[in-house]
Amino acid sequence: MGDYRKSEIIKASIAILIIIIAVFIVFTFGYKNLIEGERKMPFKLSKVTVVSTVEGEENKDKDEKWNLNIFQNNDVYFSIEKNEESDKEDIIQTVVIQNVKVEKSPKLGKIVTFMPNSSEGRLFNNSEETLVEEKLTYRGSSKSDSKTLEIANQGGTAVVRFSIADLGKYISNEDEEIRHDFSLLEKIGVNKEQVDFELSFDLVINLKEESYVTTIKLNLPCEGIEEKGTSSIELNDNFIFRKSKK
């Protein structure tokens, strides 16, 4: 009986040891994936470019020479390309920008999101027709065309605009011309500290086989806008993507 019990104890100890090793392997793999993300996904986000400026949208009914609603605009471009580290063949079905959260609000105005303008002319038109309520979706196509919300299914560019609206109006009959840059804010007595804000959002790449998501955080507007009028940054961070349910 004593030998039998010893045998059972040894078997139980070995089983427990195997379970501990298995748990350790799973935990180590999961932790590495959490820190490093998906390294061999078929497509990658190669860079994010942000362009910050200030723009005045003309009021339709006006008597003055200048009657402008002032917006602080931040245009965010996403460059997606094939991942050379991956041997998987796939296509982009959609790219989605969603779950926009204002982490720190500006002291003036309110944050709004705009999609590109589908009509001829400027890429963006800050209007009710181009407001994004919940999410912005780009469909996979043969080529990228922001105005029709299409992105090349083998890699291309998508863009979205995060703006501060309700900053005020610039009304004047004196200026011969104006510049659509930070000088417009100075004309209505607003400085950069009053328009600094932080936001985060998810970028989802939906492929034919799988979906991947990353969370991006931005401090806006870009540094240097006060001195230069318009400023930009290019982010080449190691964006961490994780698999997501389609």
Protein backbone atom coordinates (compact mmCIF):
# COMPACT_ATOMS: atom_id res chain seq x y z
CA MET A 1 0.00 0.00 0.00
CA GLY A 2 2.85 2.32 0.86
CA ASP A 3 4.45 1.81 -2.55
CA TYR A 4 1.11 2.37 -4.25
CA ARG A 5 0.57 5.68 -2.44
CA LYS A 6 4.09 6.76 -3.30
CA SER A 7 3.43 5.94 -6.93
CA GLU A 8 0.19 7.93 -6.92
CA ILE A 9 1.90 10.90 -5.26
CA ILE A 10 4.65 10.83 -7.88
CA LYS A 11 2.07 10.68 -10.71
CA ALA A 12 0.11 13.57 -9.17
CA SER A 13 3.29 15.64 -8.75
CA ILE A 14 4.26 15.03 -12.38
CA ALA A 15 0.75 16.03 -13.53
CA ILE A 16 0.87 19.21 -11.46
CA LEU A 17 4.34 20.02 -12.83
CA ILE A 18 3.09 19.55 -16.42
CA ILE A 19 0.12 21.86 -15.71
CA ILE A 20 2.42 24.51 -14.20
CA ILE A 21 4.74 24.35 -17.24
CA ALA A 22 1.78 24.60 -19.63
CA VAL A 23 0.36 27.59 -17.76
CA PHE A 24 3.78 29.24 -17.77
CA ILE A 25 4.13 28.75 -21.54
CA VAL A 26 0.65 30.13 -22.20
CA PHE A 27 1.24 33.09 -19.89
CA THR A 28 4.64 33.84 -21.43
CA PHE A 29 3.24 33.70 -24.97
CA GLY A 30 0.23 35.83 -24.02
CA TYR A 31 2.38 38.41 -22.24
CA LYS A 32 4.76 38.61 -25.20
CA ASN A 33 1.81 39.07 -27.55
CA LEU A 34 0.39 41.76 -25.27
CA ILE A 35 3.68 43.69 -25.26
CA GLU A 36 4.83 43.09 -28.83
CA GLY A 37 1.51 42.55 -30.60
CA GLU A 38 1.03 40.71 -33.89
CA ARG A 39 4.38 40.76 -35.71
CA LYS A 40 3.42 38.82 -38.82
CA MET A 41 0.03 40.24 -39.75
CA PRO A 42 -0.28 40.55 -43.57
CA PHE A 43 -0.45 44.37 -43.48
CA LYS A 44 1.11 46.96 -41.18
CA LEU A 45 0.60 50.59 -40.30
CA SER A 46 3.88 52.03 -41.56
CA LYS A 47 3.33 55.64 -40.44
CA VAL A 48 0.81 58.18 -39.19
CA THR A 49 1.13 61.76 -40.44
CA VAL A 50 -0.65 64.61 -38.67
CA VAL A 51 -1.07 68.10 -40.15
CA SER A 52 -2.39 70.84 -37.85
CA THR A 53 -3.67 74.22 -38.98
CA VAL A 54 -6.48 76.74 -38.47
CA GLU A 55 -9.20 77.48 -40.99
CA GLY A 56 -12.08 79.89 -41.33
CA GLU A 57 -15.33 78.61 -42.85
CA GLU A 58 -17.29 81.43 -44.48
CA ASN A 59 -20.80 82.09 -43.22
CA LYS A 60 -23.31 82.02 -46.07
CA ASP A 61 -25.37 84.99 -44.92
CA LYS A 62 -23.03 87.88 -44.27
CA ASP A 63 -22.77 91.60 -44.78
CA GLU A 64 -19.14 91.97 -43.76
CA LYS A 65 -16.10 91.37 -45.93
CA TRP A 66 -14.94 88.63 -43.56
CA ASN A 67 -17.36 86.59 -41.49
CA LEU A 68 -15.71 83.29 -40.61
CA ASN A 69 -16.37 80.42 -38.22
CA ILE A 70 -12.96 79.39 -36.88
CA PHE A 71 -11.82 75.74 -36.69
CA GLN A 72 -8.56 74.29 -35.47
CA ASN A 73 -8.04 71.29 -37.80
CA ASN A 74 -5.88 68.18 -37.41
CA ASP A 75 -5.75 65.94 -40.48
CA VAL A 76 -4.49 62.43 -39.68
CA TYR A 77 -3.19 60.25 -42.54
CA PHE A 78 -2.72 56.49 -42.09
CA SER A 79 -0.26 54.72 -44.40
CA ILE A 80 -0.94 50.98 -44.57
CA GLU A 81 1.32 48.65 -46.53
CA LYS A 82 2.07 44.96 -46.94
CA ASN A 83 4.17 43.43 -44.18
CA GLU A 84 7.38 41.90 -45.55
CA GLU A 85 7.68 39.72 -42.44
CA SER A 86 4.43 37.95 -43.29
CA ASP A 87 4.04 35.17 -45.83
CA LYS A 88 0.22 35.32 -45.72
CA GLU A 89 -1.72 36.45 -48.77
CA ASP A 90 -4.79 38.53 -47.94
CA ILE A 91 -6.70 41.64 -48.97
CA ILE A 92 -7.97 44.66 -47.07
CA GLN A 93 -11.76 44.60 -46.84
CA THR A 94 -12.21 47.69 -44.67
CA VAL A 95 -10.25 50.08 -42.49
CA VAL A 96 -12.26 51.55 -39.61
CA ILE A 97 -11.56 54.49 -37.28
CA GLN A 98 -13.74 54.12 -34.18
CA ASN A 99 -14.02 54.55 -30.40
CA VAL A 100 -12.80 58.15 -30.49
CA LYS A 101 -12.30 59.34 -26.91
CA VAL A 102 -11.29 62.82 -25.77
CA GLU A 103 -8.77 62.14 -23.00
CA LYS A 104 -8.18 65.84 -22.29
CA SER A 105 -10.55 68.52 -23.57
CA PRO A 106 -9.42 71.90 -24.88
CA LYS A 107 -10.26 74.93 -22.76
CA LEU A 108 -12.31 76.36 -25.63
CA GLY A 109 -14.60 74.79 -28.23
CA LYS A 110 -15.62 71.17 -28.76
CA ILE A 111 -14.00 68.23 -30.56
CA VAL A 112 -15.69 67.00 -33.76
CA THR A 113 -14.66 64.42 -36.37
CA PHE A 114 -14.98 64.95 -40.13
CA MET A 115 -14.71 62.62 -43.11
CA PRO A 116 -13.28 63.79 -46.45
CA ASN A 117 -15.53 65.84 -48.69
CA SER A 118 -16.94 63.79 -51.60
CA SER A 119 -17.53 66.79 -53.89
CA GLU A 120 -14.98 68.51 -56.09
CA GLY A 121 -12.55 70.92 -54.51
CA ARG A 122 -10.99 70.73 -51.06
CA LEU A 123 -10.31 67.38 -49.40
CA PHE A 124 -12.26 68.43 -46.30
CA ASN A 125 -15.27 70.64 -45.81
CA ASN A 126 -16.23 71.22 -42.18
CA SER A 127 -19.98 70.83 -42.49
CA GLU A 128 -22.81 68.83 -40.97
CA GLU A 129 -22.84 66.61 -44.07
CA THR A 130 -19.29 65.38 -43.39
CA LEU A 131 -19.57 64.89 -39.63
CA VAL A 132 -18.62 61.45 -38.31
CA GLU A 133 -20.89 60.31 -35.50
CA GLU A 134 -19.57 56.91 -34.40
CA LYS A 135 -17.02 55.51 -36.84
CA LEU A 136 -15.47 56.13 -40.24
CA THR A 137 -15.13 53.18 -42.63
CA TYR A 138 -12.93 52.93 -45.72
CA ARG A 139 -13.78 50.12 -48.14
CA GLY A 140 -11.13 48.03 -49.85
CA SER A 141 -10.87 48.80 -53.56
CA SER A 142 -8.48 48.66 -56.51
CA LYS A 143 -6.99 52.03 -55.53
CA SER A 144 -7.12 54.58 -52.72
CA ASP A 145 -9.53 57.51 -53.05
CA SER A 146 -10.24 59.42 -49.85
CA LYS A 147 -13.14 61.33 -51.37
CA THR A 148 -15.06 58.10 -51.97
CA LEU A 149 -13.80 56.50 -48.73
CA GLU A 150 -11.85 53.80 -50.55
CA ILE A 151 -8.43 52.32 -49.75
CA ALA A 152 -6.37 50.07 -52.03
CA ASN A 153 -6.88 46.49 -50.91
CA GLN A 154 -3.15 45.77 -51.14
CA GLY A 155 -2.18 48.81 -49.08
CA GLY A 156 -2.93 52.51 -49.30
CA THR A 157 -3.83 55.65 -47.38
CA ALA A 158 -6.84 56.66 -45.26
CA VAL A 159 -7.42 60.06 -43.65
CA VAL A 160 -9.67 61.59 -41.00
CA ARG A 161 -9.97 65.10 -39.52
CA PHE A 162 -10.23 65.91 -35.82
CA SER A 163 -11.26 69.54 -35.31
CA ILE A 164 -12.07 71.98 -32.57
CA ALA A 165 -15.31 73.76 -33.49
CA ASP A 166 -17.09 76.68 -31.80
CA LEU A 167 -13.87 78.58 -31.17
CA GLY A 168 -15.45 81.84 -32.25
CA LYS A 169 -15.98 84.04 -35.31
CA TYR A 170 -13.72 86.43 -37.09
CA ILE A 171 -15.68 89.41 -38.44
CA SER A 172 -13.95 92.28 -40.22
CA ASN A 173 -14.24 94.76 -43.07
CA GLU A 174 -10.64 95.93 -42.81
CA ASP A 175 -8.22 93.15 -43.82
CA GLU A 176 -7.44 92.97 -47.53
CA GLU A 177 -6.52 89.31 -47.15
CA ILE A 178 -6.17 86.73 -44.39
CA ARG A 179 -4.12 83.58 -43.90
CA HIS A 180 -5.81 80.33 -42.95
CA ASP A 181 -3.34 79.43 -40.22
CA PHE A 182 -2.75 80.04 -36.52
CA SER A 183 -2.86 83.80 -37.07
CA LEU A 184 -6.67 83.46 -37.33
CA LEU A 185 -6.82 82.28 -33.72
CA GLU A 186 -4.63 85.19 -32.66
CA LYS A 187 -7.09 87.56 -34.35
CA ILE A 188 -9.86 86.33 -32.02
CA GLY A 189 -7.63 86.30 -28.93
CA VAL A 190 -7.01 82.55 -28.60
CA ASN A 191 -3.62 81.02 -27.76
CA LYS A 192 -2.26 77.49 -28.16
CA GLU A 193 -2.70 76.53 -24.52
CA GLN A 194 -6.43 77.07 -24.90
CA VAL A 195 -6.68 74.61 -27.80
CA ASP A 196 -4.36 71.84 -26.58
CA PHE A 197 -6.15 68.50 -26.26
CA GLU A 198 -5.54 64.75 -26.20
CA LEU A 199 -7.56 62.01 -27.81
CA SER A 200 -7.39 58.28 -28.49
CA PHE A 201 -9.10 56.05 -31.03
CA ASP A 202 -8.96 52.54 -32.46
CA LEU A 203 -7.77 51.77 -35.98
CA VAL A 204 -9.14 48.45 -37.22
CA ILE A 205 -7.81 46.66 -40.31
CA ASN A 206 -10.36 44.09 -41.47
CA LEU A 207 -8.90 41.53 -43.85
CA LYS A 208 -10.60 38.71 -45.69
CA GLU A 209 -9.39 36.16 -43.14
CA GLU A 210 -8.72 38.13 -39.94
CA SER A 211 -9.09 41.50 -38.21
CA TYR A 212 -6.48 43.51 -36.31
CA VAL A 213 -6.85 46.55 -34.06
CA THR A 214 -4.51 49.11 -32.50
CA THR A 215 -5.18 52.07 -30.20
CA ILE A 216 -3.55 55.38 -31.14
CA LYS A 217 -3.16 58.36 -28.81
CA LEU A 218 -2.42 61.88 -30.06
CA ASN A 219 -1.55 65.20 -28.42
CA LEU A 220 -2.99 67.93 -30.63
CA PRO A 221 -2.44 70.34 -32.29
CA CYS A 222 1.13 69.56 -33.36
CA GLU A 223 3.94 71.48 -31.69
CA GLY A 224 5.17 74.53 -33.58
CA ILE A 225 1.79 75.62 -34.92
CA GLU A 226 1.92 78.87 -32.94
CA GLU A 227 5.20 79.92 -34.53
CA LYS A 228 4.80 78.40 -38.00
CA GLY A 229 1.07 78.86 -38.52
CA THR A 230 0.81 75.25 -39.76
CA SER A 231 2.73 72.30 -38.32
CA SER A 232 3.01 68.54 -38.81
CA ILE A 233 4.47 65.40 -37.29
CA GLU A 234 5.18 61.92 -38.63
CA LEU A 235 4.84 58.96 -36.28
CA ASN A 236 6.69 55.76 -37.09
CA ASP A 237 5.99 54.12 -33.76
CA ASN A 238 5.93 50.38 -33.41
CA PHE A 239 2.13 50.26 -33.47
CA ILE A 240 0.89 47.27 -31.48
CA PHE A 241 -1.90 45.37 -33.25
CA ARG A 242 -3.94 42.56 -31.77
CA LYS A 243 -6.37 40.17 -33.37
CA SER A 244 -9.97 41.26 -33.13
CA LYS A 245 -13.29 39.58 -33.79
CA LYS A 246 -14.74 40.44 -37.20
